[in-house]
Amino acid sequence: MRCKIPGTWTSALLGATVILVLTSCVHRSPFVKEQYFQAMGAPGEIVVTVDTRAPEKLPGSFSVQDSSFATLLSRIDRLSVSLYDPSGRAESDGVIQADELASYEYYGGAEGNIPAFLTNSMLLWDNAWEKIEEGKIRYYRNEWLGLDVYAPKNGLLLFASDNYMKAYETTYKNRTTRIPAALADRMAKSLFGFYVGSPKAMMEIGLAIPQSVLAQTDSMVLVIEEQEQKGMTLGGIVTMKSPKLANSLSILLKSSYISDKRRNKEPLGDLTNLFILEDDAVHINGMELSEEQYSAFSTMFGSLAALTTGEKR
């Protein structure tokens, strides 16, 4: 059972930083030819990946002003999480609301300067963590936090709220690439990437898209990127179930964008390449976010972050 007491799983691992700083070796993620999170995104899952090297630029809970959390983040380059509904209720074609995510479980990995031997040794000698063995696989469980963790290799720390073996098998031992390389690379280059590869896990995204349209989405990739002249912008690719639906979505997005600009008495700018319709997909390129839209995304990302940090607000 997941612990309901406020606090972050990261703070439980802060003791690891004491050992981490004692090593002069610099470790990097073992995933060089592909992105670690490419193995996530099974039907019904919501994938979130965040570049933690600049946490002050991130929306929602990832920008917490906690010195200990910042210390841990300084050792990690990327945090990737896959969220899923263990009850199977997400198997319907409904649209998930942010508050429903509180019942979700998660698994994922932290990549960065993580020495496997020292990290696992720290967990072994910490009474708060229980050693669990399943066949030849070992990991550590903290019942108070409801968290399983283990570093199978230098540069990678796996974690799960309910099922460590899911993280181990899915993203490490028996990987199957689910997220296409082009999409994954764009997610990796952004501050924050969000992927849903199935309408079974589609959720409200703060772009004034009717739920009836959102439920007809086949897959979605959204990224928050920082551009020198525009500041924080939204990019992504939304693939619909048919070209006709994609055309409807393109019209809705353009109308919503123009309405927001006019309401805020802002110049429309060049709309030529902002929304590009390509068969059954709509490409979003460098869309400037209004304060209202950025707030909506911050709320959504904050809800996702709260699950993986334990900060359920």
C-alpha atoms as a PDB file:
ATOM      1  CA  MET A   1       0.000   0.000   0.000  1.00  0.00           C
ATOM      2  CA  ARG A   2       1.308   3.418  -0.912  1.00  0.00           C
ATOM      3  CA  CYS A   3       2.065   5.673   2.033  1.00  0.00           C
ATOM      4  CA  LYS A   4      -0.234   8.683   2.370  1.00  0.00           C
ATOM      5  CA  ILE A   5       2.114  10.640   4.629  1.00  0.00           C
ATOM      6  CA  PRO A   6       3.425  13.766   2.846  1.00  0.00           C
ATOM      7  CA  GLY A   7       7.015  13.599   1.664  1.00  0.00           C
ATOM      8  CA  THR A   8       8.932  12.703  -1.433  1.00  0.00           C
ATOM      9  CA  TRP A   9      10.452   9.408  -2.468  1.00  0.00           C
ATOM     10  CA  THR A  10      13.431  11.492  -3.477  1.00  0.00           C
ATOM     11  CA  SER A  11      13.922  12.725   0.053  1.00  0.00           C
ATOM     12  CA  ALA A  12      14.050   9.102   1.183  1.00  0.00           C
ATOM     13  CA  LEU A  13      16.987   8.636  -1.156  1.00  0.00           C
ATOM     14  CA  LEU A  14      18.794  11.741   0.005  1.00  0.00           C
ATOM     15  CA  GLY A  15      21.083   9.607   2.112  1.00  0.00           C
ATOM     16  CA  ALA A  16      22.402   8.241  -1.143  1.00  0.00           C
ATOM     17  CA  THR A  17      23.749  11.649  -2.055  1.00  0.00           C
ATOM     18  CA  VAL A  18      26.097  11.507   0.921  1.00  0.00           C
ATOM     19  CA  ILE A  19      27.708   8.438  -0.596  1.00  0.00           C
ATOM     20  CA  LEU A  20      27.408   9.735  -4.130  1.00  0.00           C
ATOM     21  CA  VAL A  21      29.523  12.798  -3.431  1.00  0.00           C
ATOM     22  CA  LEU A  22      32.288  10.617  -2.021  1.00  0.00           C
ATOM     23  CA  THR A  23      33.016   9.076  -5.383  1.00  0.00           C
ATOM     24  CA  SER A  24      35.138  10.927  -7.914  1.00  0.00           C
ATOM     25  CA  CYS A  25      33.853   8.843 -10.831  1.00  0.00           C
ATOM     26  CA  VAL A  26      31.271  10.466 -13.061  1.00  0.00           C
ATOM     27  CA  HIS A  27      28.631   8.093 -14.369  1.00  0.00           C
ATOM     28  CA  ARG A  28      26.219   8.632 -17.229  1.00  0.00           C
ATOM     29  CA  SER A  29      23.114   6.863 -18.442  1.00  0.00           C
ATOM     30  CA  PRO A  30      23.861   3.501 -20.107  1.00  0.00           C
ATOM     31  CA  PHE A  31      21.294   4.347 -22.793  1.00  0.00           C
ATOM     32  CA  VAL A  32      23.241   6.026 -25.569  1.00  0.00           C
ATOM     33  CA  LYS A  33      21.753   4.724 -28.835  1.00  0.00           C
ATOM     34  CA  GLU A  34      18.161   5.173 -27.714  1.00  0.00           C
ATOM     35  CA  GLN A  35      16.252   6.905 -24.948  1.00  0.00           C
ATOM     36  CA  TYR A  36      15.579   4.948 -21.769  1.00  0.00           C
ATOM     37  CA  PHE A  37      11.900   5.945 -21.760  1.00  0.00           C
ATOM     38  CA  GLN A  38      11.293   4.605 -25.287  1.00  0.00           C
ATOM     39  CA  ALA A  39      10.349   1.253 -23.746  1.00  0.00           C
ATOM     40  CA  MET A  40       7.455   2.873 -21.882  1.00  0.00           C
ATOM     41  CA  GLY A  41       4.035   3.731 -23.283  1.00  0.00           C
ATOM     42  CA  ALA A  42       2.063   0.481 -23.320  1.00  0.00           C
ATOM     43  CA  PRO A  43      -1.719   0.851 -23.896  1.00  0.00           C
ATOM     44  CA  GLY A  44      -3.266   2.656 -20.950  1.00  0.00           C
ATOM     45  CA  GLU A  45       0.010   4.246 -19.791  1.00  0.00           C
ATOM     46  CA  ILE A  46       0.942   7.919 -19.506  1.00  0.00           C
ATOM     47  CA  VAL A  47       4.645   8.634 -19.987  1.00  0.00           C
ATOM     48  CA  VAL A  48       6.346  11.709 -18.579  1.00  0.00           C
ATOM     49  CA  THR A  49      10.025  12.538 -18.972  1.00  0.00           C
ATOM     50  CA  VAL A  50      11.722  15.604 -17.554  1.00  0.00           C
ATOM     51  CA  ASP A  51      15.161  17.121 -17.982  1.00  0.00           C
ATOM     52  CA  THR A  52      16.132  17.732 -14.351  1.00  0.00           C
ATOM     53  CA  ARG A  53      19.319  19.643 -15.089  1.00  0.00           C
ATOM     54  CA  ALA A  54      17.407  22.941 -14.842  1.00  0.00           C
ATOM     55  CA  PRO A  55      14.606  22.279 -12.303  1.00  0.00           C
ATOM     56  CA  GLU A  56      13.949  25.993 -11.795  1.00  0.00           C
ATOM     57  CA  LYS A  57      12.561  26.186 -15.342  1.00  0.00           C
ATOM     58  CA  LEU A  58      10.088  23.358 -14.911  1.00  0.00           C
ATOM     59  CA  PRO A  59       6.366  23.743 -14.223  1.00  0.00           C
ATOM     60  CA  GLY A  60       4.540  22.266 -11.284  1.00  0.00           C
ATOM     61  CA  SER A  61       6.067  20.242  -8.468  1.00  0.00           C
ATOM     62  CA  PHE A  62       9.413  19.710 -10.169  1.00  0.00           C
ATOM     63  CA  SER A  63      10.386  23.273  -9.364  1.00  0.00           C
ATOM     64  CA  VAL A  64      10.143  22.800  -5.604  1.00  0.00           C
ATOM     65  CA  GLN A  65      12.423  25.085  -3.621  1.00  0.00           C
ATOM     66  CA  ASP A  66      13.918  22.401  -1.408  1.00  0.00           C
ATOM     67  CA  SER A  67      17.695  22.366  -0.993  1.00  0.00           C
ATOM     68  CA  SER A  68      17.871  18.618  -0.328  1.00  0.00           C
ATOM     69  CA  PHE A  69      15.713  17.844  -3.347  1.00  0.00           C
ATOM     70  CA  ALA A  70      17.864  20.171  -5.437  1.00  0.00           C
ATOM     71  CA  THR A  71      20.974  18.298  -4.240  1.00  0.00           C
ATOM     72  CA  LEU A  72      19.576  15.007  -5.445  1.00  0.00           C
ATOM     73  CA  LEU A  73      18.410  16.507  -8.724  1.00  0.00           C
ATOM     74  CA  SER A  74      21.925  17.796  -9.305  1.00  0.00           C
ATOM     75  CA  ARG A  75      23.038  14.159  -9.581  1.00  0.00           C
ATOM     76  CA  ILE A  76      20.268  13.240 -12.016  1.00  0.00           C
ATOM     77  CA  ASP A  77      20.067  14.295 -15.657  1.00  0.00           C
ATOM     78  CA  ARG A  78      16.656  12.846 -16.487  1.00  0.00           C
ATOM     79  CA  LEU A  79      13.652  11.438 -14.673  1.00  0.00           C
ATOM     80  CA  SER A  80      11.196   9.303 -16.661  1.00  0.00           C
ATOM     81  CA  VAL A  81       7.955   7.881 -15.316  1.00  0.00           C
ATOM     82  CA  SER A  82       5.157   5.734 -16.696  1.00  0.00           C
ATOM     83  CA  LEU A  83       1.807   5.927 -14.899  1.00  0.00           C
ATOM     84  CA  TYR A  84      -0.930   3.314 -15.168  1.00  0.00           C
ATOM     85  CA  ASP A  85      -4.239   2.429 -13.569  1.00  0.00           C
ATOM     86  CA  PRO A  86      -3.838  -0.920 -11.739  1.00  0.00           C
ATOM     87  CA  SER A  87      -7.617  -1.373 -11.620  1.00  0.00           C
ATOM     88  CA  GLY A  88      -7.899  -1.408 -15.402  1.00  0.00           C
ATOM     89  CA  ARG A  89     -10.541   1.332 -15.414  1.00  0.00           C
ATOM     90  CA  ALA A  90      -8.476   3.264 -17.941  1.00  0.00           C
ATOM     91  CA  GLU A  91      -9.332   0.618 -20.522  1.00  0.00           C
ATOM     92  CA  SER A  92     -12.370   2.678 -21.523  1.00  0.00           C
ATOM     93  CA  ASP A  93     -12.218   5.428 -24.125  1.00  0.00           C
ATOM     94  CA  GLY A  94     -13.059   8.146 -21.620  1.00  0.00           C
ATOM     95  CA  VAL A  95     -10.848  11.146 -20.903  1.00  0.00           C
ATOM     96  CA  ILE A  96      -8.875  11.054 -17.663  1.00  0.00           C
ATOM     97  CA  GLN A  97      -9.116  14.044 -15.362  1.00  0.00           C
ATOM     98  CA  ALA A  98      -6.023  15.193 -13.455  1.00  0.00           C
ATOM     99  CA  ASP A  99      -7.499  14.350 -10.047  1.00  0.00           C
ATOM    100  CA  GLU A 100      -8.044  10.731 -11.130  1.00  0.00           C
ATOM    101  CA  LEU A 101      -4.280  10.218 -11.320  1.00  0.00           C
ATOM    102  CA  ALA A 102      -4.106   9.945  -7.522  1.00  0.00           C
ATOM    103  CA  SER A 103      -5.146   6.290  -7.837  1.00  0.00           C
ATOM    104  CA  TYR A 104      -2.460   5.468 -10.409  1.00  0.00           C
ATOM    105  CA  GLU A 105       0.666   3.390  -9.833  1.00  0.00           C
ATOM    106  CA  TYR A 106       3.962   4.215 -11.540  1.00  0.00           C
ATOM    107  CA  TYR A 107       7.384   2.906 -12.496  1.00  0.00           C
ATOM    108  CA  GLY A 108      10.393   4.453 -14.146  1.00  0.00           C
ATOM    109  CA  GLY A 109      14.020   5.382 -13.943  1.00  0.00           C
ATOM    110  CA  ALA A 110      16.405   8.157 -12.987  1.00  0.00           C
ATOM    111  CA  GLU A 111      19.450   8.613 -15.219  1.00  0.00           C
ATOM    112  CA  GLY A 112      22.615  10.433 -14.289  1.00  0.00           C
ATOM    113  CA  ASN A 113      25.662  10.300 -12.040  1.00  0.00           C
ATOM    114  CA  ILE A 114      24.521   7.221 -10.117  1.00  0.00           C
ATOM    115  CA  PRO A 115      27.184   4.682  -8.990  1.00  0.00           C
ATOM    116  CA  ALA A 116      25.288   1.385  -8.798  1.00  0.00           C
ATOM    117  CA  PHE A 117      27.449  -0.394  -6.201  1.00  0.00           C
ATOM    118  CA  LEU A 118      27.536   2.498  -3.738  1.00  0.00           C
ATOM    119  CA  THR A 119      23.839   3.281  -4.130  1.00  0.00           C
ATOM    120  CA  ASN A 120      22.782  -0.330  -3.592  1.00  0.00           C
ATOM    121  CA  SER A 121      25.194  -0.697  -0.663  1.00  0.00           C
ATOM    122  CA  MET A 122      23.632   2.323   1.003  1.00  0.00           C
ATOM    123  CA  LEU A 123      20.187   0.781   0.616  1.00  0.00           C
ATOM    124  CA  LEU A 124      21.419  -2.564   1.951  1.00  0.00           C
ATOM    125  CA  TRP A 125      22.685  -1.034   5.193  1.00  0.00           C
ATOM    126  CA  ASP A 126      19.747   1.305   5.704  1.00  0.00           C
ATOM    127  CA  ASN A 127      17.170  -0.288   8.023  1.00  0.00           C
ATOM    128  CA  ALA A 128      14.366   1.620   6.323  1.00  0.00           C
ATOM    129  CA  TRP A 129      14.865  -0.508   3.225  1.00  0.00           C
ATOM    130  CA  GLU A 130      14.105  -4.225   3.067  1.00  0.00           C
ATOM    131  CA  LYS A 131      16.014  -6.422   0.640  1.00  0.00           C
ATOM    132  CA  ILE A 132      13.670  -8.325  -1.670  1.00  0.00           C
ATOM    133  CA  GLU A 133      14.764 -11.196  -3.904  1.00  0.00           C
ATOM    134  CA  GLU A 134      12.713 -12.635  -6.744  1.00  0.00           C
ATOM    135  CA  GLY A 135      14.772 -15.423  -8.248  1.00  0.00           C
ATOM    136  CA  LYS A 136      18.083 -13.841  -9.214  1.00  0.00           C
ATOM    137  CA  ILE A 137      16.683 -10.311  -9.113  1.00  0.00           C
ATOM    138  CA  ARG A 138      17.267  -8.142  -6.043  1.00  0.00           C
ATOM    139  CA  TYR A 139      15.784  -4.788  -5.091  1.00  0.00           C
ATOM    140  CA  TYR A 140      14.950  -2.777  -1.993  1.00  0.00           C
ATOM    141  CA  ARG A 141      11.529  -1.858  -0.634  1.00  0.00           C
ATOM    142  CA  ASN A 142      10.504   0.922   1.705  1.00  0.00           C
ATOM    143  CA  GLU A 143       7.055   0.048   3.071  1.00  0.00           C
ATOM    144  CA  TRP A 144       6.572   3.469   4.642  1.00  0.00           C
ATOM    145  CA  LEU A 145       7.004   5.133   1.258  1.00  0.00           C
ATOM    146  CA  GLY A 146       5.487   2.326  -0.773  1.00  0.00           C
ATOM    147  CA  LEU A 147       8.524   2.363  -3.053  1.00  0.00           C
ATOM    148  CA  ASP A 148      10.824  -0.234  -4.636  1.00  0.00           C
ATOM    149  CA  VAL A 149      14.249   0.834  -5.960  1.00  0.00           C
ATOM    150  CA  TYR A 150      17.494  -0.629  -7.301  1.00  0.00           C
ATOM    151  CA  ALA A 151      20.387   0.500  -9.476  1.00  0.00           C
ATOM    152  CA  PRO A 152      20.996  -2.374 -11.943  1.00  0.00           C
ATOM    153  CA  LYS A 153      23.823  -0.516 -13.647  1.00  0.00           C
ATOM    154  CA  ASN A 154      25.935   2.608 -13.251  1.00  0.00           C
ATOM    155  CA  GLY A 155      23.982   5.641 -14.377  1.00  0.00           C
ATOM    156  CA  LEU A 156      20.506   4.191 -13.839  1.00  0.00           C
ATOM    157  CA  LEU A 157      18.228   3.887 -10.823  1.00  0.00           C
ATOM    158  CA  LEU A 158      14.964   2.000 -11.354  1.00  0.00           C
ATOM    159  CA  PHE A 159      11.947   2.621  -9.128  1.00  0.00           C
ATOM    160  CA  ALA A 160       8.314   1.571  -8.830  1.00  0.00           C
ATOM    161  CA  SER A 161       5.424   2.306  -6.519  1.00  0.00           C
ATOM    162  CA  ASP A 162       3.982  -1.189  -6.647  1.00  0.00           C
ATOM    163  CA  ASN A 163       5.884  -3.549  -8.936  1.00  0.00           C
ATOM    164  CA  TYR A 164       9.665  -3.267  -9.338  1.00  0.00           C
ATOM    165  CA  MET A 165       9.736  -6.251 -11.698  1.00  0.00           C
ATOM    166  CA  LYS A 166       7.548  -4.293 -14.108  1.00  0.00           C
ATOM    167  CA  ALA A 167      10.169  -1.552 -14.252  1.00  0.00           C
ATOM    168  CA  TYR A 168      13.020  -4.063 -14.527  1.00  0.00           C
ATOM    169  CA  GLU A 169      11.493  -6.251 -17.232  1.00  0.00           C
ATOM    170  CA  THR A 170       9.819  -3.489 -19.240  1.00  0.00           C
ATOM    171  CA  THR A 171      12.527  -0.849 -19.352  1.00  0.00           C
ATOM    172  CA  TYR A 172      15.764  -2.750 -18.737  1.00  0.00           C
ATOM    173  CA  LYS A 173      15.971  -6.523 -19.108  1.00  0.00           C
ATOM    174  CA  ASN A 174      13.504  -7.256 -21.916  1.00  0.00           C
ATOM    175  CA  ARG A 175      13.006  -3.890 -23.571  1.00  0.00           C
ATOM    176  CA  THR A 176      10.605  -3.393 -26.459  1.00  0.00           C
ATOM    177  CA  THR A 177      10.771   0.037 -28.062  1.00  0.00           C
ATOM    178  CA  ARG A 178       7.323   1.633 -28.133  1.00  0.00           C
ATOM    179  CA  ILE A 179       7.951   5.344 -28.638  1.00  0.00           C
ATOM    180  CA  PRO A 180       9.346   6.097 -32.126  1.00  0.00           C
ATOM    181  CA  ALA A 181      12.869   7.508 -32.162  1.00  0.00           C
ATOM    182  CA  ALA A 182      11.905  10.834 -33.755  1.00  0.00           C
ATOM    183  CA  LEU A 183       9.272  11.501 -31.090  1.00  0.00           C
ATOM    184  CA  ALA A 184      11.536  10.332 -28.270  1.00  0.00           C
ATOM    185  CA  ASP A 185      14.386  12.561 -29.432  1.00  0.00           C
ATOM    186  CA  ARG A 186      12.107  15.586 -29.426  1.00  0.00           C
ATOM    187  CA  MET A 187      10.893  14.718 -25.936  1.00  0.00           C
ATOM    188  CA  ALA A 188      14.489  14.334 -24.759  1.00  0.00           C
ATOM    189  CA  LYS A 189      15.484  17.744 -26.125  1.00  0.00           C
ATOM    190  CA  SER A 190      12.630  19.529 -24.359  1.00  0.00           C
ATOM    191  CA  LEU A 191      12.296  20.587 -20.750  1.00  0.00           C
ATOM    192  CA  PHE A 192       9.275  18.372 -20.284  1.00  0.00           C
ATOM    193  CA  GLY A 193       7.871  15.621 -22.493  1.00  0.00           C
ATOM    194  CA  PHE A 194       4.475  13.931 -22.286  1.00  0.00           C
ATOM    195  CA  TYR A 195       3.417  10.850 -24.295  1.00  0.00           C
ATOM    196  CA  VAL A 196       0.215   8.866 -24.539  1.00  0.00           C
ATOM    197  CA  GLY A 197       0.207   6.063 -27.099  1.00  0.00           C
ATOM    198  CA  SER A 198      -3.390   4.983 -26.627  1.00  0.00           C
ATOM    199  CA  PRO A 199      -6.790   6.658 -26.248  1.00  0.00           C
ATOM    200  CA  LYS A 200      -7.256   4.389 -23.220  1.00  0.00           C
ATOM    201  CA  ALA A 201      -5.132   6.846 -21.249  1.00  0.00           C
ATOM    202  CA  MET A 202      -6.001  10.140 -22.903  1.00  0.00           C
ATOM    203  CA  MET A 203      -6.357  13.060 -20.528  1.00  0.00           C
ATOM    204  CA  GLU A 204      -7.369  16.709 -20.534  1.00  0.00           C
ATOM    205  CA  ILE A 205      -4.417  18.811 -21.720  1.00  0.00           C
ATOM    206  CA  GLY A 206      -5.558  22.388 -21.192  1.00  0.00           C
ATOM    207  CA  LEU A 207      -6.025  23.372 -24.844  1.00  0.00           C
ATOM    208  CA  ALA A 208      -9.811  23.820 -24.865  1.00  0.00           C
ATOM    209  CA  ILE A 209     -10.302  20.642 -26.897  1.00  0.00           C
ATOM    210  CA  PRO A 210     -13.746  19.052 -26.381  1.00  0.00           C
ATOM    211  CA  GLN A 211     -13.590  15.671 -24.652  1.00  0.00           C
ATOM    212  CA  SER A 212     -15.520  14.136 -27.544  1.00  0.00           C
ATOM    213  CA  VAL A 213     -12.623  15.074 -29.843  1.00  0.00           C
ATOM    214  CA  LEU A 214      -9.890  14.223 -27.354  1.00  0.00           C
ATOM    215  CA  ALA A 215     -11.327  10.717 -26.944  1.00  0.00           C
ATOM    216  CA  GLN A 216     -10.797  10.160 -30.693  1.00  0.00           C
ATOM    217  CA  THR A 217      -7.040  10.592 -30.334  1.00  0.00           C
ATOM    218  CA  ASP A 218      -4.771   7.672 -31.200  1.00  0.00           C
ATOM    219  CA  SER A 219      -1.563   9.075 -29.729  1.00  0.00           C
ATOM    220  CA  MET A 220      -0.187  12.323 -28.403  1.00  0.00           C
ATOM    221  CA  VAL A 221       3.254  13.786 -27.817  1.00  0.00           C
ATOM    222  CA  LEU A 222       3.531  17.169 -26.115  1.00  0.00           C
ATOM    223  CA  VAL A 223       6.695  19.013 -25.156  1.00  0.00           C
ATOM    224  CA  ILE A 224       7.405  22.252 -23.358  1.00  0.00           C
ATOM    225  CA  GLU A 225      10.378  23.927 -24.972  1.00  0.00           C
ATOM    226  CA  GLU A 226      12.229  27.134 -24.213  1.00  0.00           C
ATOM    227  CA  GLN A 227      12.809  29.382 -27.209  1.00  0.00           C
ATOM    228  CA  GLU A 228      15.037  32.433 -27.066  1.00  0.00           C
ATOM    229  CA  GLN A 229      12.520  34.936 -28.457  1.00  0.00           C
ATOM    230  CA  LYS A 230       9.221  33.325 -27.434  1.00  0.00           C
ATOM    231  CA  GLY A 231      10.056  31.960 -23.998  1.00  0.00           C
ATOM    232  CA  MET A 232       8.140  28.814 -23.020  1.00  0.00           C
ATOM    233  CA  THR A 233       6.358  27.248 -25.974  1.00  0.00           C
ATOM    234  CA  LEU A 234       4.311  24.153 -26.662  1.00  0.00           C
ATOM    235  CA  GLY A 235       5.156  21.677 -29.376  1.00  0.00           C
ATOM    236  CA  GLY A 236       3.869  18.268 -30.248  1.00  0.00           C
ATOM    237  CA  ILE A 237       2.151  15.826 -32.548  1.00  0.00           C
ATOM    238  CA  VAL A 238      -1.437  14.698 -32.044  1.00  0.00           C
ATOM    239  CA  THR A 239      -2.492  11.713 -34.147  1.00  0.00           C
ATOM    240  CA  MET A 240      -6.217  11.191 -34.614  1.00  0.00           C
ATOM    241  CA  LYS A 241      -8.213   8.129 -35.679  1.00  0.00           C
ATOM    242  CA  SER A 242      -8.821   9.557 -39.159  1.00  0.00           C
ATOM    243  CA  PRO A 243      -7.717  12.447 -41.404  1.00  0.00           C
ATOM    244  CA  LYS A 244     -11.188  13.978 -41.018  1.00  0.00           C
ATOM    245  CA  LEU A 245     -10.816  14.086 -37.239  1.00  0.00           C
ATOM    246  CA  ALA A 246      -7.317  15.527 -37.600  1.00  0.00           C
ATOM    247  CA  ASN A 247      -8.711  18.309 -39.778  1.00  0.00           C
ATOM    248  CA  SER A 248     -11.360  19.060 -37.136  1.00  0.00           C
ATOM    249  CA  LEU A 249      -8.695  19.182 -34.431  1.00  0.00           C
ATOM    250  CA  SER A 250      -6.542  21.516 -36.522  1.00  0.00           C
ATOM    251  CA  ILE A 251      -9.469  23.914 -36.931  1.00  0.00           C
ATOM    252  CA  LEU A 252     -10.250  23.776 -33.203  1.00  0.00           C
ATOM    253  CA  LEU A 253      -6.651  24.479 -32.223  1.00  0.00           C
ATOM    254  CA  LYS A 254      -6.370  27.422 -34.596  1.00  0.00           C
ATOM    255  CA  SER A 255      -9.686  28.870 -33.438  1.00  0.00           C
ATOM    256  CA  SER A 256      -8.743  28.477 -29.787  1.00  0.00           C
ATOM    257  CA  TYR A 257      -5.332  30.077 -30.349  1.00  0.00           C
ATOM    258  CA  ILE A 258      -6.777  33.053 -32.243  1.00  0.00           C
ATOM    259  CA  SER A 259      -9.515  33.557 -29.634  1.00  0.00           C
ATOM    260  CA  ASP A 260      -6.956  33.599 -26.819  1.00  0.00           C
ATOM    261  CA  LYS A 261      -4.790  36.123 -28.645  1.00  0.00           C
ATOM    262  CA  ARG A 262      -7.710  38.420 -29.372  1.00  0.00           C
ATOM    263  CA  ARG A 263      -9.078  38.161 -25.849  1.00  0.00           C
ATOM    264  CA  ASN A 264      -5.680  39.128 -24.462  1.00  0.00           C
ATOM    265  CA  LYS A 265      -5.265  41.834 -27.142  1.00  0.00           C
ATOM    266  CA  GLU A 266      -2.039  40.278 -28.376  1.00  0.00           C
ATOM    267  CA  PRO A 267      -0.775  40.175 -31.982  1.00  0.00           C
ATOM    268  CA  LEU A 268      -1.547  36.946 -33.816  1.00  0.00           C
ATOM    269  CA  GLY A 269       1.905  36.644 -35.311  1.00  0.00           C
ATOM    270  CA  ASP A 270       2.719  34.217 -38.120  1.00  0.00           C
ATOM    271  CA  LEU A 271       0.275  31.299 -38.118  1.00  0.00           C
ATOM    272  CA  THR A 272       1.734  29.668 -41.235  1.00  0.00           C
ATOM    273  CA  ASN A 273       3.605  26.808 -39.560  1.00  0.00           C
ATOM    274  CA  LEU A 274       2.047  26.933 -36.118  1.00  0.00           C
ATOM    275  CA  PHE A 275      -0.404  24.102 -36.804  1.00  0.00           C
ATOM    276  CA  ILE A 276       0.405  21.765 -39.668  1.00  0.00           C
ATOM    277  CA  LEU A 277      -2.082  19.138 -40.832  1.00  0.00           C
ATOM    278  CA  GLU A 278      -0.476  15.981 -42.192  1.00  0.00           C
ATOM    279  CA  ASP A 279      -2.886  13.138 -42.979  1.00  0.00           C
ATOM    280  CA  ASP A 280      -4.247  11.972 -39.613  1.00  0.00           C
ATOM    281  CA  ALA A 281      -1.834  14.050 -37.511  1.00  0.00           C
ATOM    282  CA  VAL A 282      -1.653  17.655 -36.370  1.00  0.00           C
ATOM    283  CA  HIS A 283       1.798  19.109 -35.689  1.00  0.00           C
ATOM    284  CA  ILE A 284       2.108  21.934 -33.159  1.00  0.00           C
ATOM    285  CA  ASN A 285       5.225  24.059 -33.608  1.00  0.00           C
ATOM    286  CA  GLY A 286       6.406  26.660 -31.116  1.00  0.00           C
ATOM    287  CA  MET A 287       2.995  27.708 -29.837  1.00  0.00           C
ATOM    288  CA  GLU A 288       3.361  30.514 -27.326  1.00  0.00           C
ATOM    289  CA  LEU A 289       1.543  29.701 -24.107  1.00  0.00           C
ATOM    290  CA  SER A 290      -0.663  32.279 -22.457  1.00  0.00           C
ATOM    291  CA  GLU A 291      -0.545  32.568 -18.673  1.00  0.00           C
ATOM    292  CA  GLU A 292      -3.835  30.670 -18.497  1.00  0.00           C
ATOM    293  CA  GLN A 293      -2.582  27.858 -20.725  1.00  0.00           C
ATOM    294  CA  TYR A 294       0.768  27.631 -18.960  1.00  0.00           C
ATOM    295  CA  SER A 295      -1.096  27.473 -15.652  1.00  0.00           C
ATOM    296  CA  ALA A 296      -3.226  24.626 -17.011  1.00  0.00           C
ATOM    297  CA  PHE A 297      -0.143  22.709 -18.111  1.00  0.00           C
ATOM    298  CA  SER A 298       1.564  23.412 -14.798  1.00  0.00           C
ATOM    299  CA  THR A 299      -1.452  21.952 -13.013  1.00  0.00           C
ATOM    300  CA  MET A 300      -1.415  18.864 -15.198  1.00  0.00           C
ATOM    301  CA  PHE A 301       2.336  18.343 -14.916  1.00  0.00           C
ATOM    302  CA  GLY A 302       2.152  19.112 -11.209  1.00  0.00           C
ATOM    303  CA  SER A 303      -0.426  16.340 -10.782  1.00  0.00           C
ATOM    304  CA  LEU A 304       1.833  13.900 -12.607  1.00  0.00           C
ATOM    305  CA  ALA A 305       4.866  15.040 -10.638  1.00  0.00           C
ATOM    306  CA  ALA A 306       2.988  14.778  -7.352  1.00  0.00           C
ATOM    307  CA  LEU A 307       2.402  11.091  -7.932  1.00  0.00           C
ATOM    308  CA  THR A 308       6.052  10.328  -8.469  1.00  0.00           C
ATOM    309  CA  THR A 309       7.305  12.543  -5.663  1.00  0.00           C
ATOM    310  CA  GLY A 310       4.607  11.707  -3.136  1.00  0.00           C
ATOM    311  CA  GLU A 311       3.575  15.368  -2.898  1.00  0.00           C
ATOM    312  CA  LYS A 312      -0.151  14.860  -3.413  1.00  0.00           C
ATOM    313  CA  ARG A 313      -1.549  18.325  -3.124  1.00  0.00           C
END
